[in-house]
Every structure is written in C-alpha cells, then in structure tokens.
mmCIF file of all heavy atoms, coordinates in Angstrom:
data_MODEL
# 
_entry.id   MODEL 
# 
loop_
_atom_site.group_PDB 
_atom_site.id 
_atom_site.type_symbol 
_atom_site.label_atom_id 
_atom_site.label_alt_id 
_atom_site.label_comp_id 
_atom_site.label_asym_id 
_atom_site.label_entity_id 
_atom_site.label_seq_id 
_atom_site.pdbx_PDB_ins_code 
_atom_site.Cartn_x 
_atom_site.Cartn_y 
_atom_site.Cartn_z 
_atom_site.occupancy 
_atom_site.B_iso_or_equiv 
_atom_site.pdbx_formal_charge 
_atom_site.auth_seq_id 
_atom_site.auth_comp_id 
_atom_site.auth_asym_id 
_atom_site.auth_atom_id 
_atom_site.pdbx_PDB_model_num 
ATOM 1   N N   . ALA A 1 1  ? -61.616 -5.893  -40.050 1.00 0.00 ? 1  ALA A N   1 
ATOM 2   C CA  . ALA A 1 1  ? -62.011 -5.032  -38.869 1.00 0.00 ? 1  ALA A CA  1 
ATOM 3   C C   . ALA A 1 1  ? -63.447 -4.618  -39.093 1.00 0.00 ? 1  ALA A C   1 
ATOM 4   O O   . ALA A 1 1  ? -63.810 -4.066  -40.131 1.00 0.00 ? 1  ALA A O   1 
ATOM 5   C CB  . ALA A 1 1  ? -61.066 -3.733  -38.919 1.00 0.00 ? 1  ALA A CB  1 
ATOM 6   N N   . SER A 1 2  ? -64.230 -4.859  -38.023 1.00 0.00 ? 2  SER A N   1 
ATOM 7   C CA  . SER A 1 2  ? -65.650 -4.432  -38.017 1.00 0.00 ? 2  SER A CA  1 
ATOM 8   C C   . SER A 1 2  ? -65.959 -3.469  -36.909 1.00 0.00 ? 2  SER A C   1 
ATOM 9   O O   . SER A 1 2  ? -67.159 -3.198  -36.748 1.00 0.00 ? 2  SER A O   1 
ATOM 10  C CB  . SER A 1 2  ? -66.526 -5.684  -38.051 1.00 0.00 ? 2  SER A CB  1 
ATOM 11  O OG  . SER A 1 2  ? -66.232 -6.432  -36.902 1.00 0.00 ? 2  SER A OG  1 
ATOM 12  N N   . ASP A 1 3  ? -64.919 -2.932  -36.233 1.00 0.00 ? 3  ASP A N   1 
ATOM 13  C CA  . ASP A 1 3  ? -65.175 -1.959  -35.190 1.00 0.00 ? 3  ASP A CA  1 
ATOM 14  C C   . ASP A 1 3  ? -64.504 -0.626  -35.730 1.00 0.00 ? 3  ASP A C   1 
ATOM 15  O O   . ASP A 1 3  ? -63.369 -0.659  -36.122 1.00 0.00 ? 3  ASP A O   1 
ATOM 16  C CB  . ASP A 1 3  ? -64.525 -2.347  -33.927 1.00 0.00 ? 3  ASP A CB  1 
ATOM 17  C CG  . ASP A 1 3  ? -65.121 -3.571  -33.255 1.00 0.00 ? 3  ASP A CG  1 
ATOM 18  O OD1 . ASP A 1 3  ? -66.402 -3.690  -33.400 1.00 0.00 ? 3  ASP A OD1 1 
ATOM 19  O OD2 . ASP A 1 3  ? -64.463 -4.379  -32.592 1.00 0.00 ? 3  ASP A OD2 1 
ATOM 20  N N   . GLY A 1 4  ? -65.277 0.435   -35.538 1.00 0.00 ? 4  GLY A N   1 
ATOM 21  C CA  . GLY A 1 4  ? -64.723 1.737   -35.896 1.00 0.00 ? 4  GLY A CA  1 
ATOM 22  C C   . GLY A 1 4  ? -65.580 2.388   -37.011 1.00 0.00 ? 4  GLY A C   1 
ATOM 23  O O   . GLY A 1 4  ? -66.749 2.137   -37.163 1.00 0.00 ? 4  GLY A O   1 
ATOM 24  N N   . ALA A 1 5  ? -64.981 3.202   -37.882 1.00 0.00 ? 5  ALA A N   1 
ATOM 25  C CA  . ALA A 1 5  ? -65.590 3.869   -38.924 1.00 0.00 ? 5  ALA A CA  1 
ATOM 26  C C   . ALA A 1 5  ? -64.625 4.397   -39.950 1.00 0.00 ? 5  ALA A C   1 
ATOM 27  O O   . ALA A 1 5  ? -63.452 4.551   -39.693 1.00 0.00 ? 5  ALA A O   1 
ATOM 28  C CB  . ALA A 1 5  ? -66.461 5.084   -38.385 1.00 0.00 ? 5  ALA A CB  1 
ATOM 29  N N   . VAL A 1 6  ? -65.117 4.662   -41.134 1.00 0.00 ? 6  VAL A N   1 
ATOM 30  C CA  . VAL A 1 6  ? -64.409 5.408   -42.148 1.00 0.00 ? 6  VAL A CA  1 
ATOM 31  C C   . VAL A 1 6  ? -65.229 6.656   -42.545 1.00 0.00 ? 6  VAL A C   1 
ATOM 32  O O   . VAL A 1 6  ? -66.475 6.517   -42.687 1.00 0.00 ? 6  VAL A O   1 
ATOM 33  C CB  . VAL A 1 6  ? -64.189 4.538   -43.461 1.00 0.00 ? 6  VAL A CB  1 
ATOM 34  C CG1 . VAL A 1 6  ? -63.555 5.367   -44.499 1.00 0.00 ? 6  VAL A CG1 1 
ATOM 35  C CG2 . VAL A 1 6  ? -63.297 3.305   -43.121 1.00 0.00 ? 6  VAL A CG2 1 
ATOM 36  N N   . GLU A 1 7  ? -64.580 7.786   -42.593 1.00 0.00 ? 7  GLU A N   1 
ATOM 37  C CA  . GLU A 1 7  ? -65.260 8.924   -43.031 1.00 0.00 ? 7  GLU A CA  1 
ATOM 38  C C   . GLU A 1 7  ? -64.665 9.532   -44.211 1.00 0.00 ? 7  GLU A C   1 
ATOM 39  O O   . GLU A 1 7  ? -63.492 9.841   -44.251 1.00 0.00 ? 7  GLU A O   1 
ATOM 40  C CB  . GLU A 1 7  ? -65.352 10.009  -41.938 1.00 0.00 ? 7  GLU A CB  1 
ATOM 41  C CG  . GLU A 1 7  ? -66.182 11.264  -42.342 1.00 0.00 ? 7  GLU A CG  1 
ATOM 42  C CD  . GLU A 1 7  ? -66.344 12.248  -41.162 1.00 0.00 ? 7  GLU A CD  1 
ATOM 43  O OE1 . GLU A 1 7  ? -65.607 12.239  -40.139 1.00 0.00 ? 7  GLU A OE1 1 
ATOM 44  O OE2 . GLU A 1 7  ? -67.309 12.967  -41.208 1.00 0.00 ? 7  GLU A OE2 1 
ATOM 45  N N   . ILE A 1 8  ? -65.407 9.730   -45.308 1.00 0.00 ? 8  ILE A N   1 
ATOM 46  C CA  . ILE A 1 8  ? -64.935 10.417  -46.517 1.00 0.00 ? 8  ILE A CA  1 
ATOM 47  C C   . ILE A 1 8  ? -65.316 11.814  -46.363 1.00 0.00 ? 8  ILE A C   1 
ATOM 48  O O   . ILE A 1 8  ? -66.408 12.252  -46.229 1.00 0.00 ? 8  ILE A O   1 
ATOM 49  C CB  . ILE A 1 8  ? -65.579 9.824   -47.754 1.00 0.00 ? 8  ILE A CB  1 
ATOM 50  C CG1 . ILE A 1 8  ? -65.361 8.256   -47.921 1.00 0.00 ? 8  ILE A CG1 1 
ATOM 51  C CG2 . ILE A 1 8  ? -65.139 10.524  -49.067 1.00 0.00 ? 8  ILE A CG2 1 
ATOM 52  C CD1 . ILE A 1 8  ? -63.839 7.919   -47.900 1.00 0.00 ? 8  ILE A CD1 1 
ATOM 53  N N   . LEU A 1 9  ? -64.249 12.687  -46.407 1.00 0.00 ? 9  LEU A N   1 
ATOM 54  C CA  . LEU A 1 9  ? -64.394 14.070  -46.152 1.00 0.00 ? 9  LEU A CA  1 
ATOM 55  C C   . LEU A 1 9  ? -64.600 14.928  -47.460 1.00 0.00 ? 9  LEU A C   1 
ATOM 56  O O   . LEU A 1 9  ? -65.456 15.803  -47.479 1.00 0.00 ? 9  LEU A O   1 
ATOM 57  C CB  . LEU A 1 9  ? -63.206 14.646  -45.415 1.00 0.00 ? 9  LEU A CB  1 
ATOM 58  C CG  . LEU A 1 9  ? -63.012 14.006  -44.035 1.00 0.00 ? 9  LEU A CG  1 
ATOM 59  C CD1 . LEU A 1 9  ? -61.604 14.422  -43.427 1.00 0.00 ? 9  LEU A CD1 1 
ATOM 60  C CD2 . LEU A 1 9  ? -64.136 14.340  -43.055 1.00 0.00 ? 9  LEU A CD2 1 
ATOM 61  N N   . THR A 1 10 ? -63.818 14.557  -48.475 1.00 0.00 ? 10 THR A N   1 
ATOM 62  C CA  . THR A 1 10 ? -63.898 15.331  -49.715 1.00 0.00 ? 10 THR A CA  1 
ATOM 63  C C   . THR A 1 10 ? -63.702 14.339  -50.891 1.00 0.00 ? 10 THR A C   1 
ATOM 64  O O   . THR A 1 10 ? -62.976 13.325  -50.770 1.00 0.00 ? 10 THR A O   1 
ATOM 65  C CB  . THR A 1 10 ? -62.857 16.394  -49.943 1.00 0.00 ? 10 THR A CB  1 
ATOM 66  O OG1 . THR A 1 10 ? -61.566 15.858  -49.929 1.00 0.00 ? 10 THR A OG1 1 
ATOM 67  C CG2 . THR A 1 10 ? -62.961 17.452  -48.834 1.00 0.00 ? 10 THR A CG2 1 
ATOM 68  N N   . ILE A 1 11 ? -64.363 14.607  -52.044 1.00 0.00 ? 11 ILE A N   1 
ATOM 69  C CA  . ILE A 1 11 ? -64.142 13.847  -53.252 1.00 0.00 ? 11 ILE A CA  1 
ATOM 70  C C   . ILE A 1 11 ? -63.975 14.903  -54.447 1.00 0.00 ? 11 ILE A C   1 
ATOM 71  O O   . ILE A 1 11 ? -64.870 15.732  -54.575 1.00 0.00 ? 11 ILE A O   1 
ATOM 72  C CB  . ILE A 1 11 ? -65.325 12.883  -53.635 1.00 0.00 ? 11 ILE A CB  1 
ATOM 73  C CG1 . ILE A 1 11 ? -65.559 11.930  -52.499 1.00 0.00 ? 11 ILE A CG1 1 
ATOM 74  C CG2 . ILE A 1 11 ? -65.085 12.201  -54.961 1.00 0.00 ? 11 ILE A CG2 1 
ATOM 75  C CD1 . ILE A 1 11 ? -66.805 11.065  -52.703 1.00 0.00 ? 11 ILE A CD1 1 
ATOM 76  N N   . THR A 1 12 ? -62.835 14.750  -55.107 1.00 0.00 ? 12 THR A N   1 
ATOM 77  C CA  . THR A 1 12 ? -62.676 15.598  -56.295 1.00 0.00 ? 12 THR A CA  1 
ATOM 78  C C   . THR A 1 12 ? -62.477 14.712  -57.451 1.00 0.00 ? 12 THR A C   1 
ATOM 79  O O   . THR A 1 12 ? -62.410 13.520  -57.230 1.00 0.00 ? 12 THR A O   1 
ATOM 80  C CB  . THR A 1 12 ? -61.451 16.514  -56.115 1.00 0.00 ? 12 THR A CB  1 
ATOM 81  O OG1 . THR A 1 12 ? -60.272 15.796  -56.134 1.00 0.00 ? 12 THR A OG1 1 
ATOM 82  C CG2 . THR A 1 12 ? -61.592 17.439  -54.897 1.00 0.00 ? 12 THR A CG2 1 
ATOM 83  N N   . ALA A 1 13 ? -62.132 15.249  -58.638 1.00 0.00 ? 13 ALA A N   1 
ATOM 84  C CA  . ALA A 1 13 ? -61.895 14.430  -59.785 1.00 0.00 ? 13 ALA A CA  1 
ATOM 85  C C   . ALA A 1 13 ? -60.596 13.655  -59.680 1.00 0.00 ? 13 ALA A C   1 
ATOM 86  O O   . ALA A 1 13 ? -60.405 12.631  -60.330 1.00 0.00 ? 13 ALA A O   1 
ATOM 87  C CB  . ALA A 1 13 ? -61.900 15.312  -61.080 1.00 0.00 ? 13 ALA A CB  1 
ATOM 88  N N   . GLU A 1 14 ? -59.682 14.184  -58.889 1.00 0.00 ? 14 GLU A N   1 
ATOM 89  C CA  . GLU A 1 14 ? -58.311 13.637  -58.742 1.00 0.00 ? 14 GLU A CA  1 
ATOM 90  C C   . GLU A 1 14 ? -58.218 12.743  -57.526 1.00 0.00 ? 14 GLU A C   1 
ATOM 91  O O   . GLU A 1 14 ? -57.348 11.753  -57.483 1.00 0.00 ? 14 GLU A O   1 
ATOM 92  C CB  . GLU A 1 14 ? -57.252 14.618  -58.718 1.00 0.00 ? 14 GLU A CB  1 
ATOM 93  C CG  . GLU A 1 14 ? -57.094 15.474  -59.901 1.00 0.00 ? 14 GLU A CG  1 
ATOM 94  C CD  . GLU A 1 14 ? -58.149 16.613  -60.011 1.00 0.00 ? 14 GLU A CD  1 
ATOM 95  O OE1 . GLU A 1 14 ? -58.482 17.151  -58.963 1.00 0.00 ? 14 GLU A OE1 1 
ATOM 96  O OE2 . GLU A 1 14 ? -58.553 16.927  -61.100 1.00 0.00 ? 14 GLU A OE2 1 
ATOM 97  N N   . GLN A 1 15 ? -58.845 13.027  -56.357 1.00 0.00 ? 15 GLN A N   1 
ATOM 98  C CA  . GLN A 1 15 ? -58.506 12.336  -55.132 1.00 0.00 ? 15 GLN A CA  1 
ATOM 99  C C   . GLN A 1 15 ? -59.703 12.382  -54.130 1.00 0.00 ? 15 GLN A C   1 
ATOM 100 O O   . GLN A 1 15 ? -60.666 13.184  -54.341 1.00 0.00 ? 15 GLN A O   1 
ATOM 101 C CB  . GLN A 1 15 ? -57.363 12.937  -54.497 1.00 0.00 ? 15 GLN A CB  1 
ATOM 102 C CG  . GLN A 1 15 ? -57.531 14.331  -53.991 1.00 0.00 ? 15 GLN A CG  1 
ATOM 103 C CD  . GLN A 1 15 ? -56.242 14.977  -53.445 1.00 0.00 ? 15 GLN A CD  1 
ATOM 104 O OE1 . GLN A 1 15 ? -55.197 14.615  -53.746 1.00 0.00 ? 15 GLN A OE1 1 
ATOM 105 N NE2 . GLN A 1 15 ? -56.483 16.043  -52.512 1.00 0.00 ? 15 GLN A NE2 1 
ATOM 106 N N   . ILE A 1 16 ? -59.620 11.631  -53.108 1.00 0.00 ? 16 ILE A N   1 
ATOM 107 C CA  . ILE A 1 16 ? -60.525 11.784  -51.998 1.00 0.00 ? 16 ILE A CA  1 
ATOM 108 C C   . ILE A 1 16 ? -59.608 12.055  -50.698 1.00 0.00 ? 16 ILE A C   1 
ATOM 109 O O   . ILE A 1 16 ? -58.453 11.533  -50.684 1.00 0.00 ? 16 ILE A O   1 
ATOM 110 C CB  . ILE A 1 16 ? -61.395 10.529  -51.728 1.00 0.00 ? 16 ILE A CB  1 
ATOM 111 C CG1 . ILE A 1 16 ? -60.554 9.296   -51.418 1.00 0.00 ? 16 ILE A CG1 1 
ATOM 112 C CG2 . ILE A 1 16 ? -62.260 10.260  -52.960 1.00 0.00 ? 16 ILE A CG2 1 
ATOM 113 C CD1 . ILE A 1 16 ? -61.542 8.246   -50.771 1.00 0.00 ? 16 ILE A CD1 1 
ATOM 114 N N   . THR A 1 17 ? -60.185 12.663  -49.748 1.00 0.00 ? 17 THR A N   1 
ATOM 115 C CA  . THR A 1 17 ? -59.614 12.671  -48.461 1.00 0.00 ? 17 THR A CA  1 
ATOM 116 C C   . THR A 1 17 ? -60.443 12.047  -47.415 1.00 0.00 ? 17 THR A C   1 
ATOM 117 O O   . THR A 1 17 ? -61.747 12.116  -47.618 1.00 0.00 ? 17 THR A O   1 
ATOM 118 C CB  . THR A 1 17 ? -59.280 14.203  -47.951 1.00 0.00 ? 17 THR A CB  1 
ATOM 119 O OG1 . THR A 1 17 ? -60.496 14.819  -47.908 1.00 0.00 ? 17 THR A OG1 1 
ATOM 120 C CG2 . THR A 1 17 ? -58.301 14.767  -48.960 1.00 0.00 ? 17 THR A CG2 1 
ATOM 121 N N   . GLY A 1 18 ? -59.926 11.448  -46.438 1.00 0.00 ? 18 GLY A N   1 
ATOM 122 C CA  . GLY A 1 18 ? -60.842 10.772  -45.430 1.00 0.00 ? 18 GLY A CA  1 
ATOM 123 C C   . GLY A 1 18 ? -60.017 10.556  -44.201 1.00 0.00 ? 18 GLY A C   1 
ATOM 124 O O   . GLY A 1 18 ? -58.867 10.886  -44.019 1.00 0.00 ? 18 GLY A O   1 
ATOM 125 N N   . ARG A 1 19 ? -60.717 9.857   -43.301 1.00 0.00 ? 19 ARG A N   1 
ATOM 126 C CA  . ARG A 1 19 ? -60.097 9.446   -42.056 1.00 0.00 ? 19 ARG A CA  1 
ATOM 127 C C   . ARG A 1 19 ? -60.704 8.037   -41.680 1.00 0.00 ? 19 ARG A C   1 
ATOM 128 O O   . ARG A 1 19 ? -61.738 7.744   -42.074 1.00 0.00 ? 19 ARG A O   1 
ATOM 129 C CB  . ARG A 1 19 ? -60.264 10.438  -40.907 1.00 0.00 ? 19 ARG A CB  1 
ATOM 130 C CG  . ARG A 1 19 ? -61.707 10.934  -40.655 1.00 0.00 ? 19 ARG A CG  1 
ATOM 131 C CD  . ARG A 1 19 ? -61.715 12.129  -39.748 1.00 0.00 ? 19 ARG A CD  1 
ATOM 132 N NE  . ARG A 1 19 ? -62.998 12.483  -39.368 1.00 0.00 ? 19 ARG A NE  1 
ATOM 133 C CZ  . ARG A 1 19 ? -63.310 13.291  -38.490 1.00 0.00 ? 19 ARG A CZ  1 
ATOM 134 N NH1 . ARG A 1 19 ? -62.442 13.821  -37.771 1.00 0.00 ? 19 ARG A NH1 1 
ATOM 135 N NH2 . ARG A 1 19 ? -64.585 13.570  -38.163 1.00 0.00 ? 19 ARG A NH2 1 
ATOM 136 N N   . ILE A 1 20 ? -59.907 7.294   -40.962 1.00 0.00 ? 20 ILE A N   1 
ATOM 137 C CA  . ILE A 1 20 ? -60.216 5.929   -40.665 1.00 0.00 ? 20 ILE A CA  1 
ATOM 138 C C   . ILE A 1 20 ? -59.933 5.578   -39.253 1.00 0.00 ? 20 ILE A C   1 
ATOM 139 O O   . ILE A 1 20 ? -58.948 6.088   -38.602 1.00 0.00 ? 20 ILE A O   1 
ATOM 140 C CB  . ILE A 1 20 ? -59.410 5.020   -41.580 1.00 0.00 ? 20 ILE A CB  1 
ATOM 141 C CG1 . ILE A 1 20 ? -59.828 3.512   -41.388 1.00 0.00 ? 20 ILE A CG1 1 
ATOM 142 C CG2 . ILE A 1 20 ? -57.967 5.154   -41.358 1.00 0.00 ? 20 ILE A CG2 1 
ATOM 143 C CD1 . ILE A 1 20 ? -59.247 2.564   -42.523 1.00 0.00 ? 20 ILE A CD1 1 
ATOM 144 N N   . ASP A 1 21 ? -60.776 4.847   -38.577 1.00 0.00 ? 21 ASP A N   1 
ATOM 145 C CA  . ASP A 1 21 ? -60.559 4.188   -37.270 1.00 0.00 ? 21 ASP A CA  1 
ATOM 146 C C   . ASP A 1 21 ? -60.996 2.837   -37.411 1.00 0.00 ? 21 ASP A C   1 
ATOM 147 O O   . ASP A 1 21 ? -62.274 2.509   -37.317 1.00 0.00 ? 21 ASP A O   1 
ATOM 148 C CB  . ASP A 1 21 ? -61.261 4.921   -36.154 1.00 0.00 ? 21 ASP A CB  1 
ATOM 149 C CG  . ASP A 1 21 ? -61.170 4.219   -34.828 1.00 0.00 ? 21 ASP A CG  1 
ATOM 150 O OD1 . ASP A 1 21 ? -60.339 3.210   -34.732 1.00 0.00 ? 21 ASP A OD1 1 
ATOM 151 O OD2 . ASP A 1 21 ? -61.976 4.529   -33.896 1.00 0.00 ? 21 ASP A OD2 1 
ATOM 152 N N   . ALA A 1 22 ? -60.144 1.887   -37.784 1.00 0.00 ? 22 ALA A N   1 
ATOM 153 C CA  . ALA A 1 22 ? -60.580 0.435   -37.948 1.00 0.00 ? 22 ALA A CA  1 
ATOM 154 C C   . ALA A 1 22 ? -59.817 -0.470  -36.995 1.00 0.00 ? 22 ALA A C   1 
ATOM 155 O O   . ALA A 1 22 ? -58.639 -0.370  -36.889 1.00 0.00 ? 22 ALA A O   1 
ATOM 156 C CB  . ALA A 1 22 ? -60.242 0.021   -39.399 1.00 0.00 ? 22 ALA A CB  1 
ATOM 157 N N   . ARG A 1 23 ? -60.552 -1.341  -36.272 1.00 0.00 ? 23 ARG A N   1 
ATOM 158 C CA  . ARG A 1 23 ? -59.947 -2.080  -35.199 1.00 0.00 ? 23 ARG A CA  1 
ATOM 159 C C   . ARG A 1 23 ? -60.517 -3.570  -35.229 1.00 0.00 ? 23 ARG A C   1 
ATOM 160 O O   . ARG A 1 23 ? -61.616 -3.739  -35.529 1.00 0.00 ? 23 ARG A O   1 
ATOM 161 C CB  . ARG A 1 23 ? -60.263 -1.496  -33.828 1.00 0.00 ? 23 ARG A CB  1 
ATOM 162 C CG  . ARG A 1 23 ? -59.751 -0.152  -33.640 1.00 0.00 ? 23 ARG A CG  1 
ATOM 163 C CD  . ARG A 1 23 ? -60.239 0.398   -32.299 1.00 0.00 ? 23 ARG A CD  1 
ATOM 164 N NE  . ARG A 1 23 ? -61.304 1.350   -32.580 1.00 0.00 ? 23 ARG A NE  1 
ATOM 165 C CZ  . ARG A 1 23 ? -62.632 1.197   -32.359 1.00 0.00 ? 23 ARG A CZ  1 
ATOM 166 N NH1 . ARG A 1 23 ? -63.080 0.045   -31.903 1.00 0.00 ? 23 ARG A NH1 1 
ATOM 167 N NH2 . ARG A 1 23 ? -63.517 2.085   -32.669 1.00 0.00 ? 23 ARG A NH2 1 
ATOM 168 N N   . LEU A 1 24 ? -59.648 -4.420  -34.862 1.00 0.00 ? 24 LEU A N   1 
ATOM 169 C CA  . LEU A 1 24 ? -60.035 -5.799  -34.542 1.00 0.00 ? 24 LEU A CA  1 
ATOM 170 C C   . LEU A 1 24 ? -58.993 -6.349  -33.579 1.00 0.00 ? 24 LEU A C   1 
ATOM 171 O O   . LEU A 1 24 ? -57.768 -6.513  -33.882 1.00 0.00 ? 24 LEU A O   1 
ATOM 172 C CB  . LEU A 1 24 ? -60.193 -6.746  -35.672 1.00 0.00 ? 24 LEU A CB  1 
ATOM 173 C CG  . LEU A 1 24 ? -60.662 -8.185  -35.299 1.00 0.00 ? 24 LEU A CG  1 
ATOM 174 C CD1 . LEU A 1 24 ? -62.127 -8.228  -34.769 1.00 0.00 ? 24 LEU A CD1 1 
ATOM 175 C CD2 . LEU A 1 24 ? -60.528 -9.085  -36.471 1.00 0.00 ? 24 LEU A CD2 1 
ATOM 176 N N   . ASP A 1 25 ? -59.395 -6.561  -32.291 1.00 0.00 ? 25 ASP A N   1 
ATOM 177 C CA  . ASP A 1 25 ? -58.472 -6.998  -31.210 1.00 0.00 ? 25 ASP A CA  1 
ATOM 178 C C   . ASP A 1 25 ? -57.260 -6.022  -31.116 1.00 0.00 ? 25 ASP A C   1 
ATOM 179 O O   . ASP A 1 25 ? -57.404 -4.912  -30.927 1.00 0.00 ? 25 ASP A O   1 
ATOM 180 C CB  . ASP A 1 25 ? -57.972 -8.457  -31.460 1.00 0.00 ? 25 ASP A CB  1 
ATOM 181 C CG  . ASP A 1 25 ? -59.227 -9.429  -31.416 1.00 0.00 ? 25 ASP A CG  1 
ATOM 182 O OD1 . ASP A 1 25 ? -60.162 -9.053  -30.632 1.00 0.00 ? 25 ASP A OD1 1 
ATOM 183 O OD2 . ASP A 1 25 ? -59.267 -10.402 -32.113 1.00 0.00 ? 25 ASP A OD2 1 
ATOM 184 N N   . ASN A 1 26 ? -56.034 -6.583  -31.341 1.00 0.00 ? 26 ASN A N   1 
ATOM 185 C CA  . ASN A 1 26 ? -54.806 -5.759  -31.274 1.00 0.00 ? 26 ASN A CA  1 
ATOM 186 C C   . ASN A 1 26 ? -54.407 -5.112  -32.614 1.00 0.00 ? 26 ASN A C   1 
ATOM 187 O O   . ASN A 1 26 ? -53.368 -4.443  -32.664 1.00 0.00 ? 26 ASN A O   1 
ATOM 188 C CB  . ASN A 1 26 ? -53.664 -6.651  -30.701 1.00 0.00 ? 26 ASN A CB  1 
ATOM 189 C CG  . ASN A 1 26 ? -53.905 -7.045  -29.333 1.00 0.00 ? 26 ASN A CG  1 
ATOM 190 O OD1 . ASN A 1 26 ? -54.492 -6.355  -28.498 1.00 0.00 ? 26 ASN A OD1 1 
ATOM 191 N ND2 . ASN A 1 26 ? -53.473 -8.235  -29.027 1.00 0.00 ? 26 ASN A ND2 1 
ATOM 192 N N   . ASP A 1 27 ? -55.062 -5.367  -33.622 1.00 0.00 ? 27 ASP A N   1 
ATOM 193 C CA  . ASP A 1 27 ? -54.773 -4.843  -34.984 1.00 0.00 ? 27 ASP A CA  1 
ATOM 194 C C   . ASP A 1 27 ? -55.661 -3.606  -35.191 1.00 0.00 ? 27 ASP A C   1 
ATOM 195 O O   . ASP A 1 27 ? -56.914 -3.619  -34.932 1.00 0.00 ? 27 ASP A O   1 
ATOM 196 C CB  . ASP A 1 27 ? -55.071 -5.905  -36.036 1.00 0.00 ? 27 ASP A CB  1 
ATOM 197 C CG  . ASP A 1 27 ? -54.200 -7.160  -35.817 1.00 0.00 ? 27 ASP A CG  1 
ATOM 198 O OD1 . ASP A 1 27 ? -52.978 -7.033  -35.957 1.00 0.00 ? 27 ASP A OD1 1 
ATOM 199 O OD2 . ASP A 1 27 ? -54.748 -8.200  -35.578 1.00 0.00 ? 27 ASP A OD2 1 
# 
C-alpha cells in the first residue's frame, strides 16, 4: 500500500501507539 499514512503518536520504553490509513485498490 502506497496510499495513505501512518502516524506514530507516542513512544515509550514498552510500546508505541499510532494510527494507520493504508490503501491499495480494494485492500
């Protein structure tokens, strides 16, 4: 998928939180 974006919202020593909008055609 090369349409959309990924945003990393937080990074700690244990985890990250983020959001994703990834698309290619119907996927």
